[in-house]
Amino acid sequence: MKCANEQSLRYQVDKWLAPGSMPVRVRQFSRTRSDGRRYVCVEASQGQASRALFFFRHDDGHWCVYPAAPRQRNMRGEMLAA
């Protein structure tokens, strides 16, 4: 089981962008069009060099640099809606 800190956005930004050595800012945040999951684009810059990463929130609450797998549709729910 992962530590709760390892699931936080702050931990992931520190891990991937090492902001202790350069300023970091949120460039963009919203929800995906397909399924409404949250994402954040974070940029670290130092002088002329900059780099940005997208972080995606998964159903279990943790943040990753890759999007979550698409949700499976519930056959029963689709039949009830019809």
PDB file of N, CA and C in Angstrom:
ATOM      1  N   MET A   1       0.840  -1.183   0.000  1.00  0.00           N
ATOM      2  CA  MET A   1       0.000   0.000   0.000  1.00  0.00           C
ATOM      3  C   MET A   1       0.883   1.243   0.000  1.00  0.00           C
ATOM      4  N   LYS A   2       0.497   2.217  -0.785  1.00  0.00           N
ATOM      5  CA  LYS A   2       1.276   3.449  -0.869  1.00  0.00           C
ATOM      6  C   LYS A   2       0.980   4.355   0.312  1.00  0.00           C
ATOM      7  N   CYS A   3       1.965   5.130   0.658  1.00  0.00           N
ATOM      8  CA  CYS A   3       1.786   6.164   1.674  1.00  0.00           C
ATOM      9  C   CYS A   3       0.877   7.245   1.102  1.00  0.00           C
ATOM     10  N   ALA A   4       0.056   7.851   1.940  1.00  0.00           N
ATOM     11  CA  ALA A   4      -0.869   8.891   1.471  1.00  0.00           C
ATOM     12  C   ALA A   4      -0.126  10.039   0.806  1.00  0.00           C
ATOM     13  N   ASN A   5       1.072  10.378   1.297  1.00  0.00           N
ATOM     14  CA  ASN A   5       1.852  11.464   0.699  1.00  0.00           C
ATOM     15  C   ASN A   5       2.249  11.150  -0.738  1.00  0.00           C
ATOM     16  N   GLU A   6       2.480   9.876  -1.044  1.00  0.00           N
ATOM     17  CA  GLU A   6       2.895   9.494  -2.390  1.00  0.00           C
ATOM     18  C   GLU A   6       1.759   9.631  -3.390  1.00  0.00           C
ATOM     19  N   GLN A   7       0.540   9.786  -2.900  1.00  0.00           N
ATOM     20  CA  GLN A   7      -0.604   9.925  -3.780  1.00  0.00           C
ATOM     21  C   GLN A   7      -0.950  11.395  -4.023  1.00  0.00           C
ATOM     22  N   SER A   8      -0.374  12.294  -3.269  1.00  0.00           N
ATOM     23  CA  SER A   8      -0.741  13.706  -3.382  1.00  0.00           C
ATOM     24  C   SER A   8      -0.128  14.349  -4.627  1.00  0.00           C
ATOM     25  N   LEU A   9      -0.771  15.393  -5.091  1.00  0.00           N
ATOM     26  CA  LEU A   9      -0.260  16.136  -6.235  1.00  0.00           C
ATOM     27  C   LEU A   9       1.086  16.777  -5.894  1.00  0.00           C
ATOM     28  N   ARG A  10       1.200  17.304  -4.698  1.00  0.00           N
ATOM     29  CA  ARG A  10       2.461  17.934  -4.282  1.00  0.00           C
ATOM     30  C   ARG A  10       3.632  16.946  -4.348  1.00  0.00           C
ATOM     31  N   TYR A  11       3.417  15.733  -3.864  1.00  0.00           N
ATOM     32  CA  TYR A  11       4.467  14.715  -3.897  1.00  0.00           C
ATOM     33  C   TYR A  11       4.857  14.417  -5.345  1.00  0.00           C
ATOM     34  N   GLN A  12       3.869  14.248  -6.218  1.00  0.00           N
ATOM     35  CA  GLN A  12       4.154  13.926  -7.614  1.00  0.00           C
ATOM     36  C   GLN A  12       4.902  15.057  -8.319  1.00  0.00           C
ATOM     37  N   VAL A  13       4.529  16.300  -8.033  1.00  0.00           N
ATOM     38  CA  VAL A  13       5.238  17.446  -8.622  1.00  0.00           C
ATOM     39  C   VAL A  13       6.682  17.460  -8.142  1.00  0.00           C
ATOM     40  N   ASP A  14       6.907  17.248  -6.846  1.00  0.00           N
ATOM     41  CA  ASP A  14       8.270  17.187  -6.316  1.00  0.00           C
ATOM     42  C   ASP A  14       9.066  16.061  -6.972  1.00  0.00           C
ATOM     43  N   LYS A  15       8.442  14.924  -7.129  1.00  0.00           N
ATOM     44  CA  LYS A  15       9.105  13.748  -7.698  1.00  0.00           C
ATOM     45  C   LYS A  15       9.514  13.975  -9.155  1.00  0.00           C
ATOM     46  N   TRP A  16       8.604  14.520  -9.959  1.00  0.00           N
ATOM     47  CA  TRP A  16       8.846  14.627 -11.387  1.00  0.00           C
ATOM     48  C   TRP A  16       9.528  15.919 -11.816  1.00  0.00           C
ATOM     49  N   LEU A  17       9.293  17.019 -11.119  1.00  0.00           N
ATOM     50  CA  LEU A  17       9.833  18.309 -11.562  1.00  0.00           C
ATOM     51  C   LEU A  17      10.885  18.888 -10.631  1.00  0.00           C
ATOM     52  N   ALA A  18      11.120  18.291  -9.464  1.00  0.00           N
ATOM     53  CA  ALA A  18      12.119  18.765  -8.500  1.00  0.00           C
ATOM     54  C   ALA A  18      12.035  20.277  -8.294  1.00  0.00           C
ATOM     55  N   PRO A  19      10.894  20.786  -7.790  1.00  0.00           N
ATOM     56  CA  PRO A  19      10.714  22.228  -7.693  1.00  0.00           C
ATOM     57  C   PRO A  19      11.586  22.914  -6.650  1.00  0.00           C
ATOM     58  N   GLY A  20      12.268  22.173  -5.804  1.00  0.00           N
ATOM     59  CA  GLY A  20      13.141  22.804  -4.822  1.00  0.00           C
ATOM     60  C   GLY A  20      14.231  23.635  -5.481  1.00  0.00           C
ATOM     61  N   SER A  21      14.567  23.275  -6.719  1.00  0.00           N
ATOM     62  CA  SER A  21      15.638  23.970  -7.422  1.00  0.00           C
ATOM     63  C   SER A  21      15.127  25.031  -8.395  1.00  0.00           C
ATOM     64  N   MET A  22      13.809  25.059  -8.654  1.00  0.00           N
ATOM     65  CA  MET A  22      13.272  26.047  -9.587  1.00  0.00           C
ATOM     66  C   MET A  22      11.816  26.361  -9.260  1.00  0.00           C
ATOM     67  N   PRO A  23      11.338  27.538  -9.643  1.00  0.00           N
ATOM     68  CA  PRO A  23       9.942  27.895  -9.380  1.00  0.00           C
ATOM     69  C   PRO A  23       8.967  27.016 -10.169  1.00  0.00           C
ATOM     70  N   VAL A  24       7.843  26.727  -9.556  1.00  0.00           N
ATOM     71  CA  VAL A  24       6.819  25.893 -10.180  1.00  0.00           C
ATOM     72  C   VAL A  24       5.499  26.649 -10.148  1.00  0.00           C
ATOM     73  N   ARG A  25       4.705  26.510 -11.211  1.00  0.00           N
ATOM     74  CA  ARG A  25       3.385  27.131 -11.211  1.00  0.00           C
ATOM     75  C   ARG A  25       2.399  26.254 -11.973  1.00  0.00           C
ATOM     76  N   VAL A  26       1.149  26.394 -11.613  1.00  0.00           N
ATOM     77  CA  VAL A  26       0.076  25.687 -12.305  1.00  0.00           C
ATOM     78  C   VAL A  26      -0.256  26.475 -13.564  1.00  0.00           C
ATOM     79  N   ARG A  27      -0.143  25.825 -14.703  1.00  0.00           N
ATOM     80  CA  ARG A  27      -0.428  26.478 -15.987  1.00  0.00           C
ATOM     81  C   ARG A  27      -1.893  26.320 -16.386  1.00  0.00           C
ATOM     82  N   GLN A  28      -2.460  25.169 -16.055  1.00  0.00           N
ATOM     83  CA  GLN A  28      -3.812  24.879 -16.493  1.00  0.00           C
ATOM     84  C   GLN A  28      -4.399  23.809 -15.583  1.00  0.00           C
ATOM     85  N   PHE A  29      -5.695  23.895 -15.338  1.00  0.00           N
ATOM     86  CA  PHE A  29      -6.394  22.825 -14.637  1.00  0.00           C
ATOM     87  C   PHE A  29      -7.825  22.791 -15.120  1.00  0.00           C
ATOM     88  N   SER A  30      -8.346  21.598 -15.229  1.00  0.00           N
ATOM     89  CA  SER A  30      -9.711  21.438 -15.726  1.00  0.00           C
ATOM     90  C   SER A  30     -10.124  19.987 -15.551  1.00  0.00           C
ATOM     91  N   ARG A  31     -11.101  19.590 -16.355  1.00  0.00           N
ATOM     92  CA  ARG A  31     -11.570  18.213 -16.392  1.00  0.00           C
ATOM     93  C   ARG A  31     -11.492  17.712 -17.827  1.00  0.00           C
ATOM     94  N   THR A  32     -11.255  16.409 -17.974  1.00  0.00           N
ATOM     95  CA  THR A  32     -11.192  15.840 -19.316  1.00  0.00           C
ATOM     96  C   THR A  32     -12.572  15.858 -19.950  1.00  0.00           C
ATOM     97  N   ARG A  33     -12.609  15.988 -21.259  1.00  0.00           N
ATOM     98  CA  ARG A  33     -13.890  16.017 -21.978  1.00  0.00           C
ATOM     99  C   ARG A  33     -14.580  14.668 -21.942  1.00  0.00           C
ATOM    100  N   SER A  34     -13.790  13.615 -22.063  1.00  0.00           N
ATOM    101  CA  SER A  34     -14.387  12.284 -22.214  1.00  0.00           C
ATOM    102  C   SER A  34     -15.133  11.805 -20.972  1.00  0.00           C
ATOM    103  N   ASP A  35     -14.535  11.958 -19.789  1.00  0.00           N
ATOM    104  CA  ASP A  35     -15.196  11.411 -18.603  1.00  0.00           C
ATOM    105  C   ASP A  35     -15.179  12.334 -17.383  1.00  0.00           C
ATOM    106  N   GLY A  36     -14.740  13.561 -17.558  1.00  0.00           N
ATOM    107  CA  GLY A  36     -14.824  14.544 -16.484  1.00  0.00           C
ATOM    108  C   GLY A  36     -13.821  14.389 -15.356  1.00  0.00           C
ATOM    109  N   ARG A  37     -12.769  13.621 -15.575  1.00  0.00           N
ATOM    110  CA  ARG A  37     -11.751  13.480 -14.537  1.00  0.00           C
ATOM    111  C   ARG A  37     -10.865  14.722 -14.504  1.00  0.00           C
ATOM    112  N   ARG A  38     -10.339  15.013 -13.335  1.00  0.00           N
ATOM    113  CA  ARG A  38      -9.510  16.208 -13.161  1.00  0.00           C
ATOM    114  C   ARG A  38      -8.107  16.008 -13.703  1.00  0.00           C
ATOM    115  N   TYR A  39      -7.536  17.103 -14.200  1.00  0.00           N
ATOM    116  CA  TYR A  39      -6.127  17.118 -14.576  1.00  0.00           C
ATOM    117  C   TYR A  39      -5.553  18.496 -14.267  1.00  0.00           C
ATOM    118  N   VAL A  40      -4.226  18.534 -14.104  1.00  0.00           N
ATOM    119  CA  VAL A  40      -3.501  19.767 -13.812  1.00  0.00           C
ATOM    120  C   VAL A  40      -2.228  19.763 -14.647  1.00  0.00           C
ATOM    121  N   CYS A  41      -1.909  20.895 -15.264  1.00  0.00           N
ATOM    122  CA  CYS A  41      -0.635  21.057 -15.962  1.00  0.00           C
ATOM    123  C   CYS A  41       0.243  21.951 -15.092  1.00  0.00           C
ATOM    124  N   VAL A  42       1.411  21.425 -14.716  1.00  0.00           N
ATOM    125  CA  VAL A  42       2.337  22.152 -13.844  1.00  0.00           C
ATOM    126  C   VAL A  42       3.621  22.412 -14.619  1.00  0.00           C
ATOM    127  N   GLU A  43       4.128  23.650 -14.517  1.00  0.00           N
ATOM    128  CA  GLU A  43       5.336  24.041 -15.238  1.00  0.00           C
ATOM    129  C   GLU A  43       6.421  24.459 -14.252  1.00  0.00           C
ATOM    130  N   ALA A  44       7.632  23.981 -14.505  1.00  0.00           N
ATOM    131  CA  ALA A  44       8.810  24.398 -13.745  1.00  0.00           C
ATOM    132  C   ALA A  44       9.721  25.136 -14.711  1.00  0.00           C
ATOM    133  N   SER A  45      10.188  26.312 -14.310  1.00  0.00           N
ATOM    134  CA  SER A  45      11.041  27.084 -15.209  1.00  0.00           C
ATOM    135  C   SER A  45      12.232  27.652 -14.455  1.00  0.00           C
ATOM    136  N   GLN A  46      13.326  27.755 -15.194  1.00  0.00           N
ATOM    137  CA  GLN A  46      14.554  28.332 -14.660  1.00  0.00           C
ATOM    138  C   GLN A  46      15.255  29.034 -15.814  1.00  0.00           C
ATOM    139  N   GLY A  47      15.254  30.355 -15.768  1.00  0.00           N
ATOM    140  CA  GLY A  47      15.828  31.126 -16.868  1.00  0.00           C
ATOM    141  C   GLY A  47      15.024  30.912 -18.137  1.00  0.00           C
ATOM    142  N   GLN A  48      15.698  30.550 -19.215  1.00  0.00           N
ATOM    143  CA  GLN A  48      15.050  30.301 -20.500  1.00  0.00           C
ATOM    144  C   GLN A  48      14.462  28.898 -20.591  1.00  0.00           C
ATOM    145  N   ALA A  49      14.912  27.992 -19.735  1.00  0.00           N
ATOM    146  CA  ALA A  49      14.448  26.600 -19.800  1.00  0.00           C
ATOM    147  C   ALA A  49      13.181  26.407 -18.978  1.00  0.00           C
ATOM    148  N   SER A  50      12.255  25.670 -19.544  1.00  0.00           N
ATOM    149  CA  SER A  50      11.045  25.328 -18.796  1.00  0.00           C
ATOM    150  C   SER A  50      10.590  23.936 -19.221  1.00  0.00           C
ATOM    151  N   ARG A  51       9.852  23.302 -18.336  1.00  0.00           N
ATOM    152  CA  ARG A  51       9.271  22.004 -18.650  1.00  0.00           C
ATOM    153  C   ARG A  51       7.934  21.894 -17.938  1.00  0.00           C
ATOM    154  N   ALA A  52       7.032  21.206 -18.572  1.00  0.00           N
ATOM    155  CA  ALA A  52       5.677  21.084 -18.022  1.00  0.00           C
ATOM    156  C   ALA A  52       5.232  19.634 -18.092  1.00  0.00           C
ATOM    157  N   LEU A  53       4.418  19.248 -17.133  1.00  0.00           N
ATOM    158  CA  LEU A  53       3.839  17.905 -17.104  1.00  0.00           C
ATOM    159  C   LEU A  53       2.361  18.001 -16.754  1.00  0.00           C
ATOM    160  N   PHE A  54       1.599  17.083 -17.304  1.00  0.00           N
ATOM    161  CA  PHE A  54       0.197  16.944 -16.929  1.00  0.00           C
ATOM    162  C   PHE A  54       0.091  15.863 -15.876  1.00  0.00           C
ATOM    163  N   PHE A  55      -0.707  16.106 -14.857  1.00  0.00           N
ATOM    164  CA  PHE A  55      -0.995  15.136 -13.816  1.00  0.00           C
ATOM    165  C   PHE A  55      -2.490  14.865 -13.842  1.00  0.00           C
ATOM    166  N   PHE A  56      -2.851  13.594 -13.735  1.00  0.00           N
ATOM    167  CA  PHE A  56      -4.240  13.171 -13.828  1.00  0.00           C
ATOM    168  C   PHE A  56      -4.685  12.538 -12.514  1.00  0.00           C
ATOM    169  N   ARG A  57      -5.870  12.898 -12.072  1.00  0.00           N
ATOM    170  CA  ARG A  57      -6.427  12.339 -10.833  1.00  0.00           C
ATOM    171  C   ARG A  57      -7.167  11.046 -11.154  1.00  0.00           C
ATOM    172  N   HIS A  58      -6.832   9.988 -10.419  1.00  0.00           N
ATOM    173  CA  HIS A  58      -7.457   8.688 -10.612  1.00  0.00           C
ATOM    174  C   HIS A  58      -8.627   8.510  -9.652  1.00  0.00           C
ATOM    175  N   ASP A  59      -9.450   7.514  -9.910  1.00  0.00           N
ATOM    176  CA  ASP A  59     -10.651   7.280  -9.106  1.00  0.00           C
ATOM    177  C   ASP A  59     -10.341   7.032  -7.630  1.00  0.00           C
ATOM    178  N   ASP A  60      -9.174   6.469  -7.345  1.00  0.00           N
ATOM    179  CA  ASP A  60      -8.824   6.198  -5.947  1.00  0.00           C
ATOM    180  C   ASP A  60      -8.220   7.415  -5.247  1.00  0.00           C
ATOM    181  N   GLY A  61      -8.154   8.554  -5.952  1.00  0.00           N
ATOM    182  CA  GLY A  61      -7.709   9.800  -5.328  1.00  0.00           C
ATOM    183  C   GLY A  61      -6.257  10.158  -5.560  1.00  0.00           C
ATOM    184  N   HIS A  62      -5.455   9.260  -6.114  1.00  0.00           N
ATOM    185  CA  HIS A  62      -4.055   9.618  -6.317  1.00  0.00           C
ATOM    186  C   HIS A  62      -3.833  10.253  -7.683  1.00  0.00           C
ATOM    187  N   TRP A  63      -2.708  10.954  -7.815  1.00  0.00           N
ATOM    188  CA  TRP A  63      -2.355  11.678  -9.032  1.00  0.00           C
ATOM    189  C   TRP A  63      -1.225  10.950  -9.737  1.00  0.00           C
ATOM    190  N   CYS A  64      -1.284  10.880 -11.049  1.00  0.00           N
ATOM    191  CA  CYS A  64      -0.252  10.230 -11.863  1.00  0.00           C
ATOM    192  C   CYS A  64       0.009  11.052 -13.118  1.00  0.00           C
ATOM    193  N   VAL A  65       1.131  10.756 -13.780  1.00  0.00           N
ATOM    194  CA  VAL A  65       1.466  11.442 -15.031  1.00  0.00           C
ATOM    195  C   VAL A  65       0.803  10.774 -16.228  1.00  0.00           C
ATOM    196  N   TYR A  66       0.041   9.732 -16.001  1.00  0.00           N
ATOM    197  CA  TYR A  66      -0.709   9.089 -17.074  1.00  0.00           C
ATOM    198  C   TYR A  66      -2.197   9.091 -16.708  1.00  0.00           C
ATOM    199  N   PRO A  67      -3.071   9.208 -17.687  1.00  0.00           N
ATOM    200  CA  PRO A  67      -4.509   9.233 -17.392  1.00  0.00           C
ATOM    201  C   PRO A  67      -5.000   7.871 -16.909  1.00  0.00           C
ATOM    202  N   ALA A  68      -6.083   7.882 -16.167  1.00  0.00           N
ATOM    203  CA  ALA A  68      -6.691   6.643 -15.685  1.00  0.00           C
ATOM    204  C   ALA A  68      -7.317   5.891 -16.854  1.00  0.00           C
ATOM    205  N   ALA A  69      -7.456   4.598 -16.675  1.00  0.00           N
ATOM    206  CA  ALA A  69      -8.116   3.776 -17.689  1.00  0.00           C
ATOM    207  C   ALA A  69      -9.576   4.226 -17.821  1.00  0.00           C
ATOM    208  N   PRO A  70     -10.117   4.129 -19.017  1.00  0.00           N
ATOM    209  CA  PRO A  70     -11.520   4.526 -19.190  1.00  0.00           C
ATOM    210  C   PRO A  70     -12.443   3.718 -18.281  1.00  0.00           C
ATOM    211  N   ARG A  71     -13.462   4.374 -17.799  1.00  0.00           N
ATOM    212  CA  ARG A  71     -14.441   3.686 -16.949  1.00  0.00           C
ATOM    213  C   ARG A  71     -15.238   2.715 -17.794  1.00  0.00           C
ATOM    214  N   GLN A  72     -15.503   1.552 -17.224  1.00  0.00           N
ATOM    215  CA  GLN A  72     -16.329   0.561 -17.907  1.00  0.00           C
ATOM    216  C   GLN A  72     -17.798   0.920 -17.713  1.00  0.00           C
ATOM    217  N   ARG A  73     -18.548   0.868 -18.754  1.00  0.00           N
ATOM    218  CA  ARG A  73     -19.972   1.167 -18.645  1.00  0.00           C
ATOM    219  C   ARG A  73     -20.695  -0.013 -18.007  1.00  0.00           C
ATOM    220  N   ASN A  74     -21.661   0.315 -17.228  1.00  0.00           N
ATOM    221  CA  ASN A  74     -22.455  -0.691 -16.543  1.00  0.00           C
ATOM    222  C   ASN A  74     -23.592  -1.124 -17.470  1.00  0.00           C
ATOM    223  N   MET A  75     -23.569  -2.383 -17.871  1.00  0.00           N
ATOM    224  CA  MET A  75     -24.572  -2.892 -18.806  1.00  0.00           C
ATOM    225  C   MET A  75     -25.974  -2.712 -18.229  1.00  0.00           C
ATOM    226  N   ARG A  76     -26.124  -2.943 -16.949  1.00  0.00           N
ATOM    227  CA  ARG A  76     -27.441  -2.832 -16.326  1.00  0.00           C
ATOM    228  C   ARG A  76     -27.921  -1.376 -16.398  1.00  0.00           C
ATOM    229  N   GLY A  77     -27.025  -0.430 -16.110  1.00  0.00           N
ATOM    230  CA  GLY A  77     -27.381   0.976 -16.169  1.00  0.00           C
ATOM    231  C   GLY A  77     -27.796   1.404 -17.570  1.00  0.00           C
ATOM    232  N   GLU A  78     -27.101   0.897 -18.577  1.00  0.00           N
ATOM    233  CA  GLU A  78     -27.446   1.235 -19.947  1.00  0.00           C
ATOM    234  C   GLU A  78     -28.808   0.665 -20.324  1.00  0.00           C
ATOM    235  N   MET A  79     -29.106  -0.544 -19.839  1.00  0.00           N
ATOM    236  CA  MET A  79     -30.392  -1.157 -20.156  1.00  0.00           C
ATOM    237  C   MET A  79     -31.533  -0.406 -19.482  1.00  0.00           C
ATOM    238  N   LEU A  80     -31.298   0.068 -18.251  1.00  0.00           N
ATOM    239  CA  LEU A  80     -32.338   0.821 -17.544  1.00  0.00           C
ATOM    240  C   LEU A  80     -32.596   2.167 -18.203  1.00  0.00           C
ATOM    241  N   ALA A  81     -31.539   2.759 -18.779  1.00  0.00           N
ATOM    242  CA  ALA A  81     -31.681   4.062 -19.406  1.00  0.00           C
ATOM    243  C   ALA A  81     -32.441   3.977 -20.736  1.00  0.00           C
ATOM    244  N   ALA A  82     -32.408   2.811 -21.344  1.00  0.00           N
ATOM    245  CA  ALA A  82     -33.046   2.647 -22.661  1.00  0.00           C
ATOM    246  C   ALA A  82     -34.537   2.598 -22.624  1.00  0.00           C
TER     247      ALA A  82
END
